[in-house]
N, C-alpha and C. Protein backbone atom coordinates (compact mmCIF):
# COMPACT_ATOMS: atom_id res chain seq x y z
N UNK A 1 60.11 68.26 11.90
CA UNK A 1 59.11 67.47 13.15
C UNK A 1 58.83 69.74 13.51
N UNK A 2 59.33 70.03 14.03
CA UNK A 2 59.39 71.32 15.11
C UNK A 2 58.73 71.28 15.96
N UNK A 3 58.62 70.77 16.71
CA UNK A 3 57.78 70.70 17.81
C UNK A 3 56.03 70.19 18.17
N UNK A 4 55.96 69.98 16.64
CA UNK A 4 54.88 70.10 16.15
C UNK A 4 54.11 68.27 15.45
N UNK A 5 53.43 67.84 16.60
CA UNK A 5 52.40 66.16 16.12
C UNK A 5 51.99 66.09 14.94
N UNK A 6 52.11 67.30 14.02
CA UNK A 6 51.61 66.64 12.76
C UNK A 6 53.49 67.00 11.65
N UNK A 7 53.70 66.25 10.51
CA UNK A 7 55.23 65.68 9.86
C UNK A 7 54.68 66.49 8.81
N UNK A 8 55.61 67.07 8.99
CA UNK A 8 55.65 68.60 7.90
C UNK A 8 55.32 68.26 6.42
N UNK A 9 56.51 67.32 6.55
CA UNK A 9 57.00 67.17 4.97
C UNK A 9 55.81 66.12 4.20
N UNK A 10 55.14 65.53 4.90
CA UNK A 10 54.73 64.51 4.89
C UNK A 10 53.10 64.93 5.13
N UNK A 11 52.48 65.84 5.87
CA UNK A 11 51.21 66.29 6.45
C UNK A 11 50.00 65.57 7.51
N UNK A 12 51.58 64.78 8.50
CA UNK A 12 50.44 64.06 8.86
C UNK A 12 51.25 62.72 9.31
N UNK A 13 50.49 62.87 11.44
CA UNK A 13 51.09 61.16 11.70
C UNK A 13 51.21 60.17 11.05
N UNK A 14 52.17 58.75 10.77
CA UNK A 14 51.69 58.30 9.73
C UNK A 14 51.25 56.79 10.63
N UNK A 15 50.29 56.29 9.37
CA UNK A 15 49.30 55.57 9.44
C UNK A 15 49.55 54.84 10.37
N UNK A 16 49.08 54.15 11.66
CA UNK A 16 49.34 52.19 11.84
C UNK A 16 48.50 51.44 10.74
N UNK A 17 48.61 50.71 10.58
CA UNK A 17 47.59 49.11 10.39
C UNK A 17 46.69 48.96 9.04
N UNK A 18 45.65 48.73 9.38
CA UNK A 18 45.03 49.47 8.29
C UNK A 18 44.95 50.57 7.75
N UNK A 19 45.21 51.48 8.09
CA UNK A 19 45.70 52.73 7.46
C UNK A 19 46.53 52.90 6.52
N UNK A 20 47.29 51.79 6.95
CA UNK A 20 48.45 52.90 6.92
C UNK A 20 48.80 52.26 4.73
N UNK A 21 49.10 53.19 3.37
CA UNK A 21 48.91 52.43 2.41
C UNK A 21 49.63 51.00 2.51
N UNK A 22 50.62 50.59 2.06
CA UNK A 22 50.70 49.65 2.24
C UNK A 22 50.72 48.44 3.19
N UNK A 23 49.77 48.69 4.11
CA UNK A 23 49.33 47.68 4.81
C UNK A 23 48.34 46.13 3.74
N UNK A 24 48.84 45.26 4.43
CA UNK A 24 48.38 44.24 3.05
C UNK A 24 47.56 42.64 4.22
N UNK A 25 47.76 42.14 4.96
CA UNK A 25 47.30 41.83 6.18
C UNK A 25 48.04 41.75 7.09
N UNK A 26 46.68 41.38 8.39
CA UNK A 26 47.66 41.70 9.93
C UNK A 26 48.31 40.81 10.47
N UNK A 27 48.23 39.66 9.54
CA UNK A 27 49.60 38.62 9.84
C UNK A 27 50.15 39.08 10.57
N UNK A 28 51.26 39.72 10.31
CA UNK A 28 52.55 40.08 11.17
C UNK A 28 52.45 41.73 12.04
N UNK A 29 51.37 41.57 11.83
CA UNK A 29 50.90 42.86 12.86
C UNK A 29 50.64 42.71 14.13
N UNK A 30 51.15 44.07 14.90
CA UNK A 30 50.31 43.94 16.36
C UNK A 30 49.25 44.37 16.25
N UNK A 31 48.65 45.05 15.56
CA UNK A 31 47.12 45.28 14.56
C UNK A 31 45.90 44.12 15.32
N UNK A 32 46.47 43.15 15.28
CA UNK A 32 44.95 41.85 14.21
C UNK A 32 44.66 41.50 15.08
N UNK A 33 43.10 41.95 14.96
CA UNK A 33 42.19 42.48 15.90
C UNK A 33 41.73 40.88 17.41
N UNK A 34 41.57 40.90 18.47
CA UNK A 34 41.88 39.97 19.24
C UNK A 34 40.72 38.48 18.55
N UNK A 35 39.53 38.65 17.97
CA UNK A 35 38.15 38.37 17.69
C UNK A 35 39.10 37.07 16.91
N UNK A 36 40.03 37.37 16.01
CA UNK A 36 40.53 36.76 14.43
C UNK A 36 41.65 36.71 14.50
N UNK A 37 42.52 36.78 16.26
CA UNK A 37 43.45 35.96 17.00
C UNK A 37 43.32 33.89 16.77
N UNK A 38 41.81 33.60 17.37
CA UNK A 38 41.90 31.73 17.00
C UNK A 38 42.22 31.76 15.70
N UNK A 39 41.35 31.66 14.79
CA UNK A 39 41.12 31.85 13.38
C UNK A 39 42.73 31.91 12.72
N UNK A 40 42.89 33.02 12.94
CA UNK A 40 44.37 32.81 12.58
C UNK A 40 45.89 31.27 12.54
N UNK A 41 45.40 31.66 14.23
CA UNK A 41 46.33 30.78 14.53
C UNK A 41 45.82 29.13 14.15
N UNK A 42 44.51 29.31 13.95
CA UNK A 42 44.11 28.04 13.80
C UNK A 42 44.52 27.60 11.99
N UNK A 43 44.26 28.76 11.35
CA UNK A 43 44.48 29.23 9.56
C UNK A 43 46.77 28.12 9.15
N UNK A 44 46.98 29.38 10.50
CA UNK A 44 49.00 28.86 10.21
C UNK A 44 48.13 27.45 10.94
N UNK A 45 48.07 26.70 11.46
CA UNK A 45 48.36 24.77 11.96
C UNK A 45 47.77 24.05 10.78
N UNK A 46 46.68 24.36 9.87
CA UNK A 46 46.48 24.01 9.26
C UNK A 46 47.11 23.54 7.50
N UNK A 47 47.76 21.90 7.37
CA UNK A 47 48.60 21.51 6.65
C UNK A 47 48.68 21.82 5.08
N UNK A 48 46.66 22.28 5.15
CA UNK A 48 46.59 22.27 2.90
C UNK A 48 45.87 23.34 3.19
N UNK A 49 46.45 24.31 3.66
CA UNK A 49 46.39 25.91 3.89
C UNK A 49 46.40 26.63 2.79
N UNK A 50 48.12 26.10 2.36
CA UNK A 50 47.98 26.71 -0.20
C UNK A 50 47.32 26.41 -1.15
N UNK A 51 46.61 24.66 -0.06
CA UNK A 51 45.97 23.68 -1.06
C UNK A 51 43.95 24.22 -1.74
N UNK A 52 44.40 24.93 -3.22
CA UNK A 52 43.36 25.26 -3.84
C UNK A 52 41.66 24.47 -3.62
N UNK A 53 41.57 23.41 -3.50
CA UNK A 53 40.68 21.60 -3.95
C UNK A 53 39.64 22.71 -3.15
N UNK A 54 39.89 22.88 -1.65
CA UNK A 54 37.90 23.06 -1.94
C UNK A 54 37.67 24.70 -1.85
N UNK A 55 38.67 25.95 -2.35
CA UNK A 55 37.72 27.02 -3.63
C UNK A 55 37.53 26.41 -4.48
N UNK A 56 37.91 25.07 -5.51
CA UNK A 56 37.82 24.92 -6.48
C UNK A 56 35.97 24.17 -6.54
N UNK A 57 36.22 23.39 -5.65
CA UNK A 57 34.48 22.64 -4.66
C UNK A 57 33.64 23.92 -5.16
N UNK A 58 34.65 25.02 -4.10
CA UNK A 58 32.97 25.72 -4.01
C UNK A 58 32.34 26.46 -5.26
N UNK A 59 33.76 26.65 -6.02
CA UNK A 59 32.82 27.10 -7.46
C UNK A 59 32.18 26.16 -8.35
N UNK A 60 32.50 24.99 -8.89
CA UNK A 60 31.54 24.44 -9.18
C UNK A 60 30.32 24.00 -8.34
N UNK A 61 30.83 23.79 -7.46
CA UNK A 61 28.61 24.01 -6.99
C UNK A 61 28.53 25.45 -7.67
N UNK A 62 28.53 26.75 -7.55
CA UNK A 62 27.69 28.05 -7.96
C UNK A 62 27.87 27.57 -8.88
N UNK A 63 29.23 26.89 -9.92
CA UNK A 63 28.61 26.82 -11.01
C UNK A 63 27.54 26.25 -12.06
N UNK A 64 27.80 25.11 -10.75
CA UNK A 64 26.52 23.41 -11.28
C UNK A 64 25.36 24.29 -10.44
N UNK A 65 25.25 25.52 -9.61
CA UNK A 65 24.08 26.15 -9.43
C UNK A 65 22.93 26.50 -10.58
N UNK A 66 24.74 28.00 -10.90
CA UNK A 66 24.25 28.79 -11.70
C UNK A 66 24.20 28.20 -13.67
N UNK A 67 24.33 26.92 -13.65
CA UNK A 67 23.60 26.97 -14.71
C UNK A 67 22.50 26.40 -14.77
N UNK A 68 21.68 25.78 -13.70
CA UNK A 68 20.34 25.21 -13.44
C UNK A 68 19.39 25.91 -13.66
N UNK A 69 20.26 27.38 -13.58
CA UNK A 69 19.09 28.94 -12.99
C UNK A 69 19.21 28.53 -15.26
N UNK A 70 19.69 28.35 -15.79
CA UNK A 70 19.57 29.00 -17.17
C UNK A 70 18.05 28.67 -17.92
N UNK A 71 17.84 29.77 -18.22
CA UNK A 71 16.59 29.52 -18.72
C UNK A 71 15.58 30.42 -17.64
N UNK A 72 15.99 30.96 -17.53
CA UNK A 72 15.08 32.56 -16.21
C UNK A 72 14.80 33.70 -16.78
N UNK A 73 14.60 33.95 -16.52
CA UNK A 73 14.28 35.50 -16.79
C UNK A 73 15.66 36.12 -16.11
N UNK A 74 16.56 35.76 -15.93
CA UNK A 74 17.88 37.05 -15.68
C UNK A 74 18.59 35.90 -15.78
N UNK A 75 18.87 34.92 -17.51
CA UNK A 75 19.62 34.48 -17.95
C UNK A 75 20.98 35.44 -18.27
N UNK A 76 20.49 36.08 -19.04
CA UNK A 76 21.37 37.42 -18.78
C UNK A 76 22.94 37.67 -17.90
N UNK A 77 22.76 38.11 -16.79
CA UNK A 77 23.42 37.84 -15.28
C UNK A 77 23.67 36.22 -15.03
N UNK A 78 23.08 35.22 -15.24
CA UNK A 78 23.71 34.09 -15.51
C UNK A 78 25.11 34.58 -15.77
N UNK A 79 24.30 33.49 -17.17
CA UNK A 79 26.18 34.10 -17.82
C UNK A 79 27.09 34.99 -17.97
N UNK A 80 27.19 35.42 -17.16
CA UNK A 80 27.43 36.95 -17.01
C UNK A 80 28.91 36.21 -15.93
N UNK A 81 27.62 35.86 -14.87
CA UNK A 81 28.10 35.25 -13.87
C UNK A 81 29.45 34.26 -14.32
N UNK A 82 28.87 33.78 -15.31
CA UNK A 82 29.31 32.35 -15.41
C UNK A 82 31.14 32.38 -15.76
N UNK A 83 30.74 33.28 -16.48
CA UNK A 83 32.21 34.26 -17.64
C UNK A 83 32.82 33.96 -16.55
N UNK A 84 32.33 34.91 -15.28
CA UNK A 84 33.11 34.82 -14.62
C UNK A 84 34.32 34.00 -13.75
N UNK A 85 32.94 33.26 -13.39
CA UNK A 85 34.00 32.19 -12.08
C UNK A 85 34.42 31.01 -13.18
N UNK A 86 33.65 30.65 -14.18
CA UNK A 86 35.02 30.24 -15.08
C UNK A 86 36.17 30.89 -14.92
N UNK A 87 36.79 31.79 -15.12
CA UNK A 87 37.76 32.37 -15.41
C UNK A 87 38.44 31.88 -13.68
N UNK A 88 37.86 32.97 -13.15
CA UNK A 88 38.14 32.40 -11.07
C UNK A 88 38.94 30.50 -11.22
N UNK A 89 37.94 29.99 -11.71
CA UNK A 89 38.70 28.67 -11.19
C UNK A 89 39.13 28.10 -12.70
N UNK A 90 39.51 28.97 -13.89
CA UNK A 90 41.05 28.67 -14.39
C UNK A 90 41.89 29.17 -13.52
N UNK A 91 41.68 30.21 -13.09
CA UNK A 91 43.12 30.18 -12.14
C UNK A 91 43.72 29.41 -11.37
N UNK A 92 42.46 29.11 -10.48
CA UNK A 92 42.90 28.46 -8.57
C UNK A 92 42.98 27.55 -9.00
N UNK A 93 42.61 26.90 -11.05
CA UNK A 93 43.36 24.72 -11.40
C UNK A 93 44.19 25.34 -11.87
N UNK A 94 44.73 26.41 -12.64
CA UNK A 94 46.04 26.42 -12.68
C UNK A 94 47.33 26.87 -11.66
N UNK A 95 46.59 26.77 -10.49
CA UNK A 95 47.34 27.79 -9.51
C UNK A 95 48.10 26.57 -8.31
N UNK A 96 46.57 25.45 -8.56
CA UNK A 96 46.70 24.25 -7.68
C UNK A 96 47.45 23.06 -8.63
N UNK A 97 47.37 23.28 -9.85
CA UNK A 97 48.28 22.46 -10.92
C UNK A 97 50.02 22.52 -10.85
N UNK A 98 49.96 24.23 -10.31
CA UNK A 98 51.05 24.49 -10.64
C UNK A 98 52.14 24.07 -9.24
N UNK A 99 51.11 24.02 -8.22
CA UNK A 99 51.46 23.79 -6.77
C UNK A 99 51.80 22.32 -6.64
N UNK A 100 50.96 22.15 -6.96
CA UNK A 100 51.18 20.66 -7.28
C UNK A 100 52.32 19.91 -8.54
N UNK A 101 52.71 20.50 -9.22
CA UNK A 101 54.22 19.60 -9.53
C UNK A 101 54.73 20.36 -8.39
N UNK A 102 55.26 21.58 -8.28
CA UNK A 102 56.06 22.25 -7.78
C UNK A 102 56.39 21.03 -6.53
N UNK A 103 55.04 20.48 -5.61
CA UNK A 103 55.14 19.58 -4.73
C UNK A 103 56.07 17.80 -5.14
N UNK A 104 56.04 17.52 -6.61
CA UNK A 104 56.42 16.68 -7.02
C UNK A 104 57.92 16.88 -6.90
N UNK A 105 58.39 18.12 -6.97
CA UNK A 105 60.02 18.15 -7.72
C UNK A 105 60.45 18.78 -6.27
N UNK A 106 60.33 19.05 -5.26
CA UNK A 106 61.16 18.94 -3.78
C UNK A 106 61.51 18.03 -3.62
N UNK A 107 62.21 17.70 -3.17
CA UNK A 107 63.25 16.41 -2.36
C UNK A 107 62.99 16.85 -1.09
N UNK A 108 62.36 15.63 0.34
CA UNK A 108 62.45 16.00 1.69
C UNK A 108 63.94 15.72 2.02
N UNK A 109 63.87 15.93 3.58
CA UNK A 109 65.26 16.02 3.80
C UNK A 109 65.70 14.35 4.10
N UNK A 110 64.57 13.58 4.34
CA UNK A 110 64.91 11.80 4.44
C UNK A 110 65.62 11.55 2.73
N UNK A 111 64.64 12.15 1.44
CA UNK A 111 65.12 11.29 0.10
C UNK A 111 66.76 12.27 0.53
N UNK A 112 66.95 13.04 0.05
CA UNK A 112 68.54 14.11 -0.04
C UNK A 112 69.62 13.00 1.06
N UNK A 113 68.47 12.57 2.07
CA UNK A 113 69.99 12.02 3.08
C UNK A 113 69.82 10.85 2.67
N UNK A 114 68.47 9.76 1.96
CA UNK A 114 69.08 8.70 1.12
C UNK A 114 70.16 8.63 0.02
N UNK A 115 69.83 9.63 -0.82
CA UNK A 115 70.54 9.94 -2.21
C UNK A 115 71.77 10.26 -1.93
N UNK A 116 72.01 10.89 -0.61
CA UNK A 116 73.77 11.06 0.00
C UNK A 116 74.25 10.15 0.44
N UNK A 117 73.53 9.12 0.98
CA UNK A 117 74.22 7.84 1.25
C UNK A 117 73.92 6.83 0.18
N UNK A 118 73.26 7.52 -0.58
CA UNK A 118 73.67 6.53 -1.61
C UNK A 118 74.55 6.84 -2.23
N UNK A 119 75.19 7.83 -2.92
CA UNK A 119 75.75 8.02 -3.53
C UNK A 119 78.05 7.92 -2.50
N UNK A 120 77.70 8.33 -1.61
CA UNK A 120 78.86 8.35 -0.34
C UNK A 120 79.52 6.40 -0.43
N UNK A 121 78.17 5.80 -0.42
CA UNK A 121 78.76 4.41 -0.91
C UNK A 121 78.74 4.06 -2.16
N UNK A 122 78.30 3.96 -3.22
CA UNK A 122 79.09 4.06 -4.17
C UNK A 122 80.60 4.84 -4.62
N UNK A 123 80.68 5.24 -3.49
CA UNK A 123 81.97 6.05 -3.43
C UNK A 123 83.26 5.04 -2.94
N UNK A 124 82.84 4.92 -2.23
CA UNK A 124 83.06 3.90 -1.20
C UNK A 124 84.01 2.44 -1.73
N UNK A 125 82.22 1.20 -2.04
CA UNK A 125 82.93 0.55 -3.29
C UNK A 125 83.67 0.56 -4.45
N UNK A 126 83.58 1.80 -4.91
CA UNK A 126 84.47 1.79 -6.22
C UNK A 126 85.10 2.56 -6.12
N UNK A 127 85.96 3.73 -5.58
CA UNK A 127 87.11 4.64 -5.23
C UNK A 127 87.64 3.39 -4.54
N UNK A 128 89.25 3.36 -4.91
CA UNK A 128 89.80 3.18 -3.71
C UNK A 128 90.95 3.77 -3.71
N UNK A 129 91.48 4.59 -4.02
CA UNK A 129 92.16 6.12 -3.49
C UNK A 129 92.18 6.77 -2.61
N UNK A 130 92.48 5.68 -0.84
CA UNK A 130 92.30 6.87 0.13
C UNK A 130 91.46 7.81 0.29
N UNK A 131 92.74 9.16 -1.03
CA UNK A 131 93.15 10.48 -1.11
C UNK A 131 91.43 10.71 -1.60
N UNK A 132 91.74 10.16 -2.70
CA UNK A 132 90.20 10.68 -3.52
C UNK A 132 89.11 10.85 -3.11
N UNK A 133 89.36 9.19 -2.06
CA UNK A 133 87.79 8.87 -1.32
C UNK A 133 87.39 9.76 -0.11
N UNK A 134 89.04 10.59 0.24
CA UNK A 134 88.84 11.62 1.29
C UNK A 134 88.62 13.24 1.03
N UNK A 135 88.68 13.41 -0.65
CA UNK A 135 87.65 14.57 -1.29
C UNK A 135 86.42 14.07 -1.17
N UNK A 136 86.10 13.56 -1.73
CA UNK A 136 84.51 12.61 -2.40
C UNK A 136 84.07 13.58 -0.73
N UNK A 137 85.10 13.02 -0.05
CA UNK A 137 83.33 13.21 1.44
C UNK A 137 84.24 14.03 2.22
N UNK A 138 84.48 15.38 1.52
CA UNK A 138 84.63 15.96 1.94
C UNK A 138 83.85 17.68 1.33
N UNK A 139 84.22 16.74 -0.23
CA UNK A 139 83.35 17.82 -1.17
C UNK A 139 81.52 17.50 -0.04
N UNK A 140 81.40 16.48 -0.21
CA UNK A 140 80.45 16.18 0.08
C UNK A 140 79.63 16.91 1.68
N UNK A 141 80.74 16.48 2.57
CA UNK A 141 80.83 17.45 3.50
C UNK A 141 80.88 18.41 3.11
N UNK A 142 80.96 19.72 2.67
CA UNK A 142 80.73 21.40 2.17
C UNK A 142 79.45 21.28 1.86
N UNK A 143 79.37 20.59 0.83
CA UNK A 143 78.12 20.52 -0.50
C UNK A 143 76.17 20.38 1.14
N UNK A 144 76.64 19.51 2.74
CA UNK A 144 75.61 19.63 2.85
C UNK A 144 75.87 20.36 3.90
N UNK A 145 77.01 21.14 4.60
CA UNK A 145 76.77 22.30 5.09
C UNK A 145 76.41 23.77 4.57
N UNK A 146 76.79 23.36 3.59
CA UNK A 146 76.17 25.44 2.99
C UNK A 146 74.94 24.78 2.56
N UNK A 147 73.61 23.27 2.37
CA UNK A 147 73.01 23.19 1.79
C UNK A 147 71.87 23.56 3.23
N UNK A 148 72.54 23.59 4.41
CA UNK A 148 72.19 23.55 5.76
C UNK A 148 71.71 24.85 5.71
N UNK A 149 72.79 25.57 5.41
CA UNK A 149 73.61 26.58 5.99
C UNK A 149 72.06 27.37 5.59
N UNK A 150 72.07 27.08 3.86
CA UNK A 150 71.74 28.18 3.21
C UNK A 150 69.99 27.73 4.02
N UNK A 151 69.78 27.38 4.01
CA UNK A 151 68.09 26.76 4.48
C UNK A 151 67.06 27.09 5.52
N UNK A 152 68.22 27.57 6.50
CA UNK A 152 68.55 27.95 7.76
C UNK A 152 68.58 30.32 7.22
N UNK A 153 68.46 29.87 6.50
CA UNK A 153 68.61 31.47 6.05
C UNK A 153 67.24 31.66 6.08
């Protein structure tokens, strides 16, 4: 900088917040305007934040309104908007379908604990060798420790 307030190689001070080229949102930034803070915190607390059902319903409403306008003097514009909205709806519906499928593939902590308890109970009933039972228990304990450790990261 050589005593100047302008960075010679880059042509100026580093822009902050929305002026920065890599800025994507204000969620992690101290630049989030105070007027948005309450809405942001409300969105964070929303358990359905990643659900897309509301957006799909709004698009369906708009599609219905547009279909009712077919036959008006602006039919060409209506059809063009319909095509765009159908594509938006298709993308949202596909994203929501994927989210729902992924949710079914996840196991809750309670389900995982129940599965682990059932495996351990089965081992205790069917494995009579104390040394083997101890080794299985140690393996399961390591598995749980690694799973908990990875989840914390």
